[in-house]
Amino acid sequence: MEFINGSEAVQIIRNLENKKKIKGITIASVTAFEDEIIKTGLVKAGVDYLLKKPCDKNSLLFFLRNLRFLNN
């Protein structure tokens, strides 16, 4: 199996959503990278929410509690 990075995976998912004309799902990226170029690439690919590793409990709970708002 060929490996792909997170940005490529998100692009594949977003392309499938467009092709199948289905509502987009919320995609969260959990990354240890603090590089702005990587963050920008993930957002451009279609990531809805970025969580930084190590992910603390409060950040994860905030994301989970706000999923319904991210999906609108």
PDB file of N, CA and C in Angstrom:
ATOM      1  N   MET A   1       0.847  -1.181   0.000  1.00  0.00           N
ATOM      2  CA  MET A   1       0.000   0.000   0.000  1.00  0.00           C
ATOM      3  C   MET A   1       0.890   1.240   0.000  1.00  0.00           C
ATOM      4  N   GLU A   2       0.529   2.156  -0.819  1.00  0.00           N
ATOM      5  CA  GLU A   2       1.262   3.409  -0.907  1.00  0.00           C
ATOM      6  C   GLU A   2       0.826   4.333   0.227  1.00  0.00           C
ATOM      7  N   PHE A   3       1.788   4.985   0.852  1.00  0.00           N
ATOM      8  CA  PHE A   3       1.475   5.902   1.940  1.00  0.00           C
ATOM      9  C   PHE A   3       1.325   7.319   1.408  1.00  0.00           C
ATOM     10  N   ILE A   4       0.404   8.062   2.016  1.00  0.00           N
ATOM     11  CA  ILE A   4       0.177   9.453   1.641  1.00  0.00           C
ATOM     12  C   ILE A   4       0.206  10.296   2.907  1.00  0.00           C
ATOM     13  N   ASN A   5       0.442  11.582   2.746  1.00  0.00           N
ATOM     14  CA  ASN A   5       0.447  12.450   3.919  1.00  0.00           C
ATOM     15  C   ASN A   5      -0.969  12.956   4.200  1.00  0.00           C
ATOM     16  N   GLY A   6      -1.107  13.668   5.298  1.00  0.00           N
ATOM     17  CA  GLY A   6      -2.426  14.138   5.720  1.00  0.00           C
ATOM     18  C   GLY A   6      -3.097  15.056   4.710  1.00  0.00           C
ATOM     19  N   SER A   7      -2.342  15.963   4.125  1.00  0.00           N
ATOM     20  CA  SER A   7      -2.913  16.884   3.136  1.00  0.00           C
ATOM     21  C   SER A   7      -3.451  16.138   1.925  1.00  0.00           C
ATOM     22  N   GLU A   8      -2.691  15.129   1.486  1.00  0.00           N
ATOM     23  CA  GLU A   8      -3.137  14.338   0.334  1.00  0.00           C
ATOM     24  C   GLU A   8      -4.403  13.551   0.671  1.00  0.00           C
ATOM     25  N   ALA A   9      -4.458  13.018   1.873  1.00  0.00           N
ATOM     26  CA  ALA A   9      -5.641  12.261   2.294  1.00  0.00           C
ATOM     27  C   ALA A   9      -6.874  13.158   2.331  1.00  0.00           C
ATOM     28  N   VAL A  10      -6.712  14.358   2.858  1.00  0.00           N
ATOM     29  CA  VAL A  10      -7.829  15.303   2.936  1.00  0.00           C
ATOM     30  C   VAL A  10      -8.298  15.689   1.532  1.00  0.00           C
ATOM     31  N   GLN A  11      -7.362  15.929   0.627  1.00  0.00           N
ATOM     32  CA  GLN A  11      -7.727  16.271  -0.745  1.00  0.00           C
ATOM     33  C   GLN A  11      -8.509  15.144  -1.408  1.00  0.00           C
ATOM     34  N   ILE A  12      -8.113  13.913  -1.171  1.00  0.00           N
ATOM     35  CA  ILE A  12      -8.837  12.765  -1.733  1.00  0.00           C
ATOM     36  C   ILE A  12     -10.265  12.726  -1.183  1.00  0.00           C
ATOM     37  N   ILE A  13     -10.403  12.914   0.115  1.00  0.00           N
ATOM     38  CA  ILE A  13     -11.732  12.908   0.738  1.00  0.00           C
ATOM     39  C   ILE A  13     -12.589  14.030   0.172  1.00  0.00           C
ATOM     40  N   ARG A  14     -12.030  15.241   0.087  1.00  0.00           N
ATOM     41  CA  ARG A  14     -12.799  16.386  -0.425  1.00  0.00           C
ATOM     42  C   ARG A  14     -13.188  16.174  -1.895  1.00  0.00           C
ATOM     43  N   ASN A  15     -12.298  15.600  -2.682  1.00  0.00           N
ATOM     44  CA  ASN A  15     -12.624  15.321  -4.090  1.00  0.00           C
ATOM     45  C   ASN A  15     -13.750  14.305  -4.203  1.00  0.00           C
ATOM     46  N   LEU A  16     -13.731  13.282  -3.360  1.00  0.00           N
ATOM     47  CA  LEU A  16     -14.808  12.292  -3.366  1.00  0.00           C
ATOM     48  C   LEU A  16     -16.142  12.915  -2.958  1.00  0.00           C
ATOM     49  N   GLU A  17     -16.091  13.800  -1.970  1.00  0.00           N
ATOM     50  CA  GLU A  17     -17.318  14.496  -1.548  1.00  0.00           C
ATOM     51  C   GLU A  17     -17.903  15.286  -2.716  1.00  0.00           C
ATOM     52  N   ASN A  18     -17.053  16.004  -3.426  1.00  0.00           N
ATOM     53  CA  ASN A  18     -17.515  16.792  -4.567  1.00  0.00           C
ATOM     54  C   ASN A  18     -18.052  15.905  -5.680  1.00  0.00           C
ATOM     55  N   LYS A  19     -17.333  14.833  -5.962  1.00  0.00           N
ATOM     56  CA  LYS A  19     -17.729  13.923  -7.030  1.00  0.00           C
ATOM     57  C   LYS A  19     -19.069  13.253  -6.721  1.00  0.00           C
ATOM     58  N   LYS A  20     -19.264  12.849  -5.479  1.00  0.00           N
ATOM     59  CA  LYS A  20     -20.492  12.152  -5.076  1.00  0.00           C
ATOM     60  C   LYS A  20     -21.602  13.121  -4.645  1.00  0.00           C
ATOM     61  N   LYS A  21     -21.252  14.425  -4.618  1.00  0.00           N
ATOM     62  CA  LYS A  21     -22.190  15.472  -4.213  1.00  0.00           C
ATOM     63  C   LYS A  21     -22.793  15.196  -2.834  1.00  0.00           C
ATOM     64  N   ILE A  22     -21.903  14.898  -1.885  1.00  0.00           N
ATOM     65  CA  ILE A  22     -22.337  14.674  -0.512  1.00  0.00           C
ATOM     66  C   ILE A  22     -21.831  15.801   0.367  1.00  0.00           C
ATOM     67  N   LYS A  23     -22.541  16.022   1.466  1.00  0.00           N
ATOM     68  CA  LYS A  23     -22.168  17.068   2.404  1.00  0.00           C
ATOM     69  C   LYS A  23     -20.814  16.751   3.012  1.00  0.00           C
ATOM     70  N   GLY A  24     -19.989  17.757   3.137  1.00  0.00           N
ATOM     71  CA  GLY A  24     -18.649  17.561   3.672  1.00  0.00           C
ATOM     72  C   GLY A  24     -18.654  17.117   5.121  1.00  0.00           C
ATOM     73  N   ILE A  25     -17.727  16.254   5.448  1.00  0.00           N
ATOM     74  CA  ILE A  25     -17.559  15.836   6.828  1.00  0.00           C
ATOM     75  C   ILE A  25     -16.525  16.729   7.486  1.00  0.00           C
ATOM     76  N   THR A  26     -16.577  16.818   8.798  1.00  0.00           N
ATOM     77  CA  THR A  26     -15.597  17.601   9.532  1.00  0.00           C
ATOM     78  C   THR A  26     -14.317  16.780   9.650  1.00  0.00           C
ATOM     79  N   ILE A  27     -13.227  17.397   9.257  1.00  0.00           N
ATOM     80  CA  ILE A  27     -11.926  16.729   9.345  1.00  0.00           C
ATOM     81  C   ILE A  27     -11.043  17.522  10.306  1.00  0.00           C
ATOM     82  N   ALA A  28     -10.564  16.811  11.316  1.00  0.00           N
ATOM     83  CA  ALA A  28      -9.626  17.403  12.265  1.00  0.00           C
ATOM     84  C   ALA A  28      -8.259  16.788  12.015  1.00  0.00           C
ATOM     85  N   SER A  29      -7.262  17.606  12.044  1.00  0.00           N
ATOM     86  CA  SER A  29      -5.891  17.138  11.881  1.00  0.00           C
ATOM     87  C   SER A  29      -5.184  17.277  13.226  1.00  0.00           C
ATOM     88  N   VAL A  30      -4.546  16.202  13.649  1.00  0.00           N
ATOM     89  CA  VAL A  30      -3.749  16.222  14.868  1.00  0.00           C
ATOM     90  C   VAL A  30      -2.300  16.164  14.424  1.00  0.00           C
ATOM     91  N   THR A  31      -1.567  17.226  14.688  1.00  0.00           N
ATOM     92  CA  THR A  31      -0.207  17.334  14.183  1.00  0.00           C
ATOM     93  C   THR A  31       0.745  17.875  15.242  1.00  0.00           C
ATOM     94  N   ALA A  32       1.979  17.426  15.175  1.00  0.00           N
ATOM     95  CA  ALA A  32       3.024  17.933  16.061  1.00  0.00           C
ATOM     96  C   ALA A  32       3.756  19.100  15.414  1.00  0.00           C
ATOM     97  N   PHE A  33       3.501  19.309  14.130  1.00  0.00           N
ATOM     98  CA  PHE A  33       4.200  20.362  13.403  1.00  0.00           C
ATOM     99  C   PHE A  33       3.654  21.737  13.759  1.00  0.00           C
ATOM    100  N   GLU A  34       4.561  22.661  14.046  1.00  0.00           N
ATOM    101  CA  GLU A  34       4.158  24.023  14.324  1.00  0.00           C
ATOM    102  C   GLU A  34       4.487  24.944  13.159  1.00  0.00           C
ATOM    103  N   ASP A  35       5.013  24.373  12.106  1.00  0.00           N
ATOM    104  CA  ASP A  35       5.391  25.113  10.916  1.00  0.00           C
ATOM    105  C   ASP A  35       4.146  25.687  10.240  1.00  0.00           C
ATOM    106  N   GLU A  36       4.130  26.977  10.009  1.00  0.00           N
ATOM    107  CA  GLU A  36       2.975  27.647   9.395  1.00  0.00           C
ATOM    108  C   GLU A  36       2.710  27.146   7.977  1.00  0.00           C
ATOM    109  N   ILE A  37       3.752  26.756   7.266  1.00  0.00           N
ATOM    110  CA  ILE A  37       3.579  26.251   5.900  1.00  0.00           C
ATOM    111  C   ILE A  37       2.781  24.951   5.929  1.00  0.00           C
ATOM    112  N   ILE A  38       3.096  24.088   6.868  1.00  0.00           N
ATOM    113  CA  ILE A  38       2.365  22.821   6.990  1.00  0.00           C
ATOM    114  C   ILE A  38       0.925  23.086   7.402  1.00  0.00           C
ATOM    115  N   LYS A  39       0.725  23.975   8.371  1.00  0.00           N
ATOM    116  CA  LYS A  39      -0.635  24.310   8.807  1.00  0.00           C
ATOM    117  C   LYS A  39      -1.440  24.899   7.650  1.00  0.00           C
ATOM    118  N   THR A  40      -0.836  25.798   6.898  1.00  0.00           N
ATOM    119  CA  THR A  40      -1.511  26.413   5.762  1.00  0.00           C
ATOM    120  C   THR A  40      -1.861  25.368   4.719  1.00  0.00           C
ATOM    121  N   GLY A  41      -0.954  24.424   4.475  1.00  0.00           N
ATOM    122  CA  GLY A  41      -1.213  23.348   3.516  1.00  0.00           C
ATOM    123  C   GLY A  41      -2.391  22.485   3.934  1.00  0.00           C
ATOM    124  N   LEU A  42      -2.489  22.192   5.217  1.00  0.00           N
ATOM    125  CA  LEU A  42      -3.607  21.392   5.716  1.00  0.00           C
ATOM    126  C   LEU A  42      -4.926  22.136   5.555  1.00  0.00           C
ATOM    127  N   VAL A  43      -4.918  23.418   5.881  1.00  0.00           N
ATOM    128  CA  VAL A  43      -6.140  24.216   5.747  1.00  0.00           C
ATOM    129  C   VAL A  43      -6.541  24.334   4.278  1.00  0.00           C
ATOM    130  N   LYS A  44      -5.576  24.569   3.403  1.00  0.00           N
ATOM    131  CA  LYS A  44      -5.870  24.650   1.967  1.00  0.00           C
ATOM    132  C   LYS A  44      -6.415  23.326   1.434  1.00  0.00           C
ATOM    133  N   ALA A  45      -5.947  22.224   2.002  1.00  0.00           N
ATOM    134  CA  ALA A  45      -6.415  20.906   1.570  1.00  0.00           C
ATOM    135  C   ALA A  45      -7.854  20.661   1.997  1.00  0.00           C
ATOM    136  N   GLY A  46      -8.292  21.368   3.041  1.00  0.00           N
ATOM    137  CA  GLY A  46      -9.678  21.214   3.472  1.00  0.00           C
ATOM    138  C   GLY A  46      -9.881  20.782   4.910  1.00  0.00           C
ATOM    139  N   VAL A  47      -8.827  20.829   5.719  1.00  0.00           N
ATOM    140  CA  VAL A  47      -8.964  20.498   7.137  1.00  0.00           C
ATOM    141  C   VAL A  47      -9.798  21.585   7.813  1.00  0.00           C
ATOM    142  N   ASP A  48     -10.730  21.147   8.634  1.00  0.00           N
ATOM    143  CA  ASP A  48     -11.611  22.088   9.320  1.00  0.00           C
ATOM    144  C   ASP A  48     -11.064  22.556  10.658  1.00  0.00           C
ATOM    145  N   TYR A  49     -10.303  21.713  11.297  1.00  0.00           N
ATOM    146  CA  TYR A  49      -9.857  22.018  12.654  1.00  0.00           C
ATOM    147  C   TYR A  49      -8.486  21.414  12.877  1.00  0.00           C
ATOM    148  N   LEU A  50      -7.579  22.182  13.446  1.00  0.00           N
ATOM    149  CA  LEU A  50      -6.228  21.713  13.742  1.00  0.00           C
ATOM    150  C   LEU A  50      -6.057  21.534  15.243  1.00  0.00           C
ATOM    151  N   LEU A  51      -5.614  20.359  15.634  1.00  0.00           N
ATOM    152  CA  LEU A  51      -5.272  20.081  17.022  1.00  0.00           C
ATOM    153  C   LEU A  51      -3.771  19.857  17.084  1.00  0.00           C
ATOM    154  N   LYS A  52      -3.133  20.461  18.069  1.00  0.00           N
ATOM    155  CA  LYS A  52      -1.679  20.369  18.190  1.00  0.00           C
ATOM    156  C   LYS A  52      -1.308  19.257  19.170  1.00  0.00           C
ATOM    157  N   LYS A  53      -0.335  18.428  18.761  1.00  0.00           N
ATOM    158  CA  LYS A  53       0.202  17.416  19.660  1.00  0.00           C
ATOM    159  C   LYS A  53       1.207  18.059  20.591  1.00  0.00           C
ATOM    160  N   PRO A  54       1.316  17.667  21.810  1.00  0.00           N
ATOM    161  CA  PRO A  54       0.382  16.756  22.447  1.00  0.00           C
ATOM    162  C   PRO A  54      -0.954  17.469  22.660  1.00  0.00           C
ATOM    163  N   CYS A  55      -2.003  16.768  22.373  1.00  0.00           N
ATOM    164  CA  CYS A  55      -3.344  17.341  22.464  1.00  0.00           C
ATOM    165  C   CYS A  55      -3.813  17.282  23.914  1.00  0.00           C
ATOM    166  N   ASP A  56      -4.052  18.441  24.480  1.00  0.00           N
ATOM    167  CA  ASP A  56      -4.509  18.440  25.867  1.00  0.00           C
ATOM    168  C   ASP A  56      -6.017  18.191  25.935  1.00  0.00           C
ATOM    169  N   LYS A  57      -6.454  17.804  27.071  1.00  0.00           N
ATOM    170  CA  LYS A  57      -7.855  17.432  27.288  1.00  0.00           C
ATOM    171  C   LYS A  57      -8.803  18.570  26.917  1.00  0.00           C
ATOM    172  N   ASN A  58      -8.467  19.803  27.296  1.00  0.00           N
ATOM    173  CA  ASN A  58      -9.352  20.940  27.031  1.00  0.00           C
ATOM    174  C   ASN A  58      -9.528  21.202  25.535  1.00  0.00           C
ATOM    175  N   SER A  59      -8.453  21.085  24.774  1.00  0.00           N
ATOM    176  CA  SER A  59      -8.547  21.294  23.321  1.00  0.00           C
ATOM    177  C   SER A  59      -9.413  20.226  22.670  1.00  0.00           C
ATOM    178  N   LEU A  60      -9.225  18.992  23.090  1.00  0.00           N
ATOM    179  CA  LEU A  60     -10.018  17.896  22.530  1.00  0.00           C
ATOM    180  C   LEU A  60     -11.489  18.041  22.896  1.00  0.00           C
ATOM    181  N   LEU A  61     -11.776  18.370  24.143  1.00  0.00           N
ATOM    182  CA  LEU A  61     -13.172  18.557  24.572  1.00  0.00           C
ATOM    183  C   LEU A  61     -13.818  19.733  23.844  1.00  0.00           C
ATOM    184  N   PHE A  62     -13.072  20.819  23.641  1.00  0.00           N
ATOM    185  CA  PHE A  62     -13.604  21.963  22.901  1.00  0.00           C
ATOM    186  C   PHE A  62     -13.999  21.538  21.495  1.00  0.00           C
ATOM    187  N   PHE A  63     -13.118  20.793  20.833  1.00  0.00           N
ATOM    188  CA  PHE A  63     -13.403  20.312  19.485  1.00  0.00           C
ATOM    189  C   PHE A  63     -14.648  19.434  19.474  1.00  0.00           C
ATOM    190  N   LEU A  64     -14.702  18.462  20.359  1.00  0.00           N
ATOM    191  CA  LEU A  64     -15.831  17.532  20.383  1.00  0.00           C
ATOM    192  C   LEU A  64     -17.148  18.232  20.698  1.00  0.00           C
ATOM    193  N   ARG A  65     -17.119  19.180  21.609  1.00  0.00           N
ATOM    194  CA  ARG A  65     -18.344  19.906  21.973  1.00  0.00           C
ATOM    195  C   ARG A  65     -18.837  20.819  20.854  1.00  0.00           C
ATOM    196  N   ASN A  66     -17.920  21.226  19.985  1.00  0.00           N
ATOM    197  CA  ASN A  66     -18.281  22.174  18.941  1.00  0.00           C
ATOM    198  C   ASN A  66     -18.416  21.541  17.555  1.00  0.00           C
ATOM    199  N   LEU A  67     -18.423  20.238  17.486  1.00  0.00           N
ATOM    200  CA  LEU A  67     -18.577  19.564  16.192  1.00  0.00           C
ATOM    201  C   LEU A  67     -19.823  20.017  15.457  1.00  0.00           C
ATOM    202  N   ARG A  68     -20.912  20.178  16.163  1.00  0.00           N
ATOM    203  CA  ARG A  68     -22.161  20.554  15.490  1.00  0.00           C
ATOM    204  C   ARG A  68     -22.048  21.923  14.841  1.00  0.00           C
ATOM    205  N   PHE A  69     -21.258  22.828  15.415  1.00  0.00           N
ATOM    206  CA  PHE A  69     -21.089  24.157  14.830  1.00  0.00           C
ATOM    207  C   PHE A  69     -20.136  24.102  13.634  1.00  0.00           C
ATOM    208  N   LEU A  70     -19.165  23.197  13.689  1.00  0.00           N
ATOM    209  CA  LEU A  70     -18.219  23.053  12.592  1.00  0.00           C
ATOM    210  C   LEU A  70     -18.888  22.448  11.361  1.00  0.00           C
ATOM    211  N   ASN A  71     -19.945  21.669  11.563  1.00  0.00           N
ATOM    212  CA  ASN A  71     -20.629  21.007  10.464  1.00  0.00           C
ATOM    213  C   ASN A  71     -21.632  21.909   9.746  1.00  0.00           C
ATOM    214  N   ASN A  72     -21.883  23.086  10.238  1.00  0.00           N
ATOM    215  CA  ASN A  72     -22.858  23.997   9.585  1.00  0.00           C
ATOM    216  C   ASN A  72     -22.203  24.857   8.557  1.00  0.00           C
TER     217      ASN A  72
END
